[in-house]
C-alpha atoms as a PDB file:
ATOM      1  CA  MET A   1     178.250-160.278 163.876  1.00  0.00           C
ATOM      2  CA  SER A   2     176.000-157.498 165.086  1.00  0.00           C
ATOM      3  CA  TYR A   3     177.107-154.239 166.694  1.00  0.00           C
ATOM      4  CA  SER A   4     175.147-151.286 168.040  1.00  0.00           C
ATOM      5  CA  LEU A   5     175.872-147.937 169.641  1.00  0.00           C
ATOM      6  CA  ALA A   6     176.238-148.149 173.389  1.00  0.00           C
ATOM      7  CA  PRO A   7     173.290-146.641 175.300  1.00  0.00           C
ATOM      8  CA  HIS A   8     175.442-143.799 176.671  1.00  0.00           C
ATOM      9  CA  VAL A   9     176.546-142.618 173.215  1.00  0.00           C
ATOM     10  CA  ALA A  10     174.999-139.707 171.332  1.00  0.00           C
ATOM     11  CA  ALA A  11     175.564-139.313 167.595  1.00  0.00           C
ATOM     12  CA  ALA A  12     175.342-136.094 165.600  1.00  0.00           C
ATOM     13  CA  GLU A  13     175.674-135.742 161.845  1.00  0.00           C
ATOM     14  CA  THR A  14     178.115-133.122 160.555  1.00  0.00           C
ATOM     15  CA  ASP A  15     178.809-131.727 157.096  1.00  0.00           C
ATOM     16  CA  ASP A  16     181.707-134.125 156.629  1.00  0.00           C
ATOM     17  CA  GLY A  17     180.817-137.129 158.796  1.00  0.00           C
ATOM     18  CA  MET A  18     179.598-137.693 162.324  1.00  0.00           C
ATOM     19  CA  VAL A  19     180.532-136.965 165.921  1.00  0.00           C
ATOM     20  CA  LEU A  20     180.050-139.567 168.642  1.00  0.00           C
ATOM     21  CA  LEU A  21     179.858-138.383 172.245  1.00  0.00           C
ATOM     22  CA  HIS A  22     180.507-140.764 175.141  1.00  0.00           C
ATOM     23  CA  GLU A  23     178.116-139.110 177.591  1.00  0.00           C
ATOM     24  CA  THR A  24     179.728-140.748 180.640  1.00  0.00           C
ATOM     25  CA  THR A  25     183.282-139.576 180.002  1.00  0.00           C
ATOM     26  CA  GLY A  26     182.550-136.473 177.941  1.00  0.00           C
ATOM     27  CA  ARG A  27     184.981-137.608 175.244  1.00  0.00           C
ATOM     28  CA  TYR A  28     183.988-137.348 171.629  1.00  0.00           C
ATOM     29  CA  TRP A  29     185.150-138.907 168.381  1.00  0.00           C
ATOM     30  CA  MET A  30     184.915-137.418 164.922  1.00  0.00           C
ATOM     31  CA  LEU A  31     184.222-139.827 162.078  1.00  0.00           C
ATOM     32  CA  ASN A  32     184.810-139.113 158.405  1.00  0.00           C
ATOM     33  CA  THR A  33     182.096-139.815 155.844  1.00  0.00           C
ATOM     34  CA  THR A  34     183.004-143.493 155.549  1.00  0.00           C
ATOM     35  CA  GLY A  35     183.097-144.019 159.321  1.00  0.00           C
ATOM     36  CA  ALA A  36     179.764-142.238 159.561  1.00  0.00           C
ATOM     37  CA  ALA A  37     178.319-144.543 156.891  1.00  0.00           C
ATOM     38  CA  VAL A  38     179.389-147.547 158.984  1.00  0.00           C
ATOM     39  CA  VAL A  39     177.758-146.160 162.137  1.00  0.00           C
ATOM     40  CA  ARG A  40     174.585-145.187 160.247  1.00  0.00           C
ATOM     41  CA  SER A  41     174.342-148.723 158.905  1.00  0.00           C
ATOM     42  CA  LEU A  42     174.833-150.180 162.388  1.00  0.00           C
ATOM     43  CA  ARG A  43     172.023-147.962 163.675  1.00  0.00           C
ATOM     44  CA  GLN A  44     169.820-149.369 160.911  1.00  0.00           C
ATOM     45  CA  GLY A  45     170.518-152.867 162.238  1.00  0.00           C
ATOM     46  CA  LYS A  46     172.740-154.008 159.388  1.00  0.00           C
ATOM     47  CA  GLU A  47     175.276-156.777 159.929  1.00  0.00           C
ATOM     48  CA  VAL A  48     178.974-156.157 159.351  1.00  0.00           C
ATOM     49  CA  ALA A  49     179.084-158.331 156.215  1.00  0.00           C
ATOM     50  CA  GLU A  50     176.268-156.315 154.654  1.00  0.00           C
ATOM     51  CA  ILE A  51     178.020-153.038 155.488  1.00  0.00           C
ATOM     52  CA  VAL A  52     181.268-154.298 153.951  1.00  0.00           C
ATOM     53  CA  ASP A  53     179.473-155.379 150.769  1.00  0.00           C
ATOM     54  CA  GLU A  54     177.743-151.996 150.430  1.00  0.00           C
ATOM     55  CA  LEU A  55     180.943-149.997 150.972  1.00  0.00           C
ATOM     56  CA  SER A  56     182.926-152.211 148.624  1.00  0.00           C
ATOM     57  CA  ALA A  57     180.365-151.699 145.862  1.00  0.00           C
ATOM     58  CA  ARG A  58     179.901-147.981 146.568  1.00  0.00           C
ATOM     59  CA  PHE A  59     183.610-147.159 146.411  1.00  0.00           C
ATOM     60  CA  SER A  60     184.714-149.923 143.999  1.00  0.00           C
ATOM     61  CA  LEU A  61     187.231-151.244 146.515  1.00  0.00           C
ATOM     62  CA  ASP A  62     188.536-154.725 147.170  1.00  0.00           C
ATOM     63  CA  ILE A  63     186.352-156.459 149.729  1.00  0.00           C
ATOM     64  CA  THR A  64     189.398-157.651 151.688  1.00  0.00           C
ATOM     65  CA  ARG A  65     190.555-154.076 152.206  1.00  0.00           C
ATOM     66  CA  VAL A  66     187.085-152.857 153.174  1.00  0.00           C
ATOM     67  CA  THR A  67     186.676-155.749 155.615  1.00  0.00           C
ATOM     68  CA  ALA A  68     189.991-154.902 157.286  1.00  0.00           C
ATOM     69  CA  ASP A  69     189.102-151.199 157.493  1.00  0.00           C
ATOM     70  CA  VAL A  70     185.622-151.805 158.935  1.00  0.00           C
ATOM     71  CA  ASP A  71     186.995-154.366 161.409  1.00  0.00           C
ATOM     72  CA  ALA A  72     189.665-151.883 162.540  1.00  0.00           C
ATOM     73  CA  LEU A  73     187.088-149.119 163.005  1.00  0.00           C
ATOM     74  CA  LEU A  74     184.760-151.376 164.982  1.00  0.00           C
ATOM     75  CA  LYS A  75     187.636-152.578 167.151  1.00  0.00           C
ATOM     76  CA  ARG A  76     188.585-148.999 168.035  1.00  0.00           C
ATOM     77  CA  LEU A  77     184.983-147.969 168.687  1.00  0.00           C
ATOM     78  CA  THR A  78     184.457-151.043 170.869  1.00  0.00           C
ATOM     79  CA  GLU A  79     187.639-150.356 172.850  1.00  0.00           C
ATOM     80  CA  ALA A  80     186.460-146.767 173.388  1.00  0.00           C
ATOM     81  CA  GLY A  81     183.127-148.042 174.726  1.00  0.00           C
ATOM     82  CA  LEU A  82     181.145-146.494 171.886  1.00  0.00           C
ATOM     83  CA  VAL A  83     179.746-149.675 170.333  1.00  0.00           C
ATOM     84  CA  THR A  84     178.788-153.027 171.782  1.00  0.00           C
ATOM     85  CA  ARG A  85     178.259-156.473 170.328  1.00  0.00           C
END
């Protein structure tokens, strides 16, 4: 499944992650380094399965756990109107 940042969302890199700004509501979300890596990968057009594989290999974590974590992040970002499918 493919996700992308919503058109009304601005992203800014920080020293320890990323900040997403919902330009319509003025609300912002701070992402840690792992969350930022997910969003960066989405912006590069990567599919969720590819992102999960990369994170699992990078951090030597069980793919089931990484899948659940990425799915949870994407669910929250979607509910906040920050990403779309």
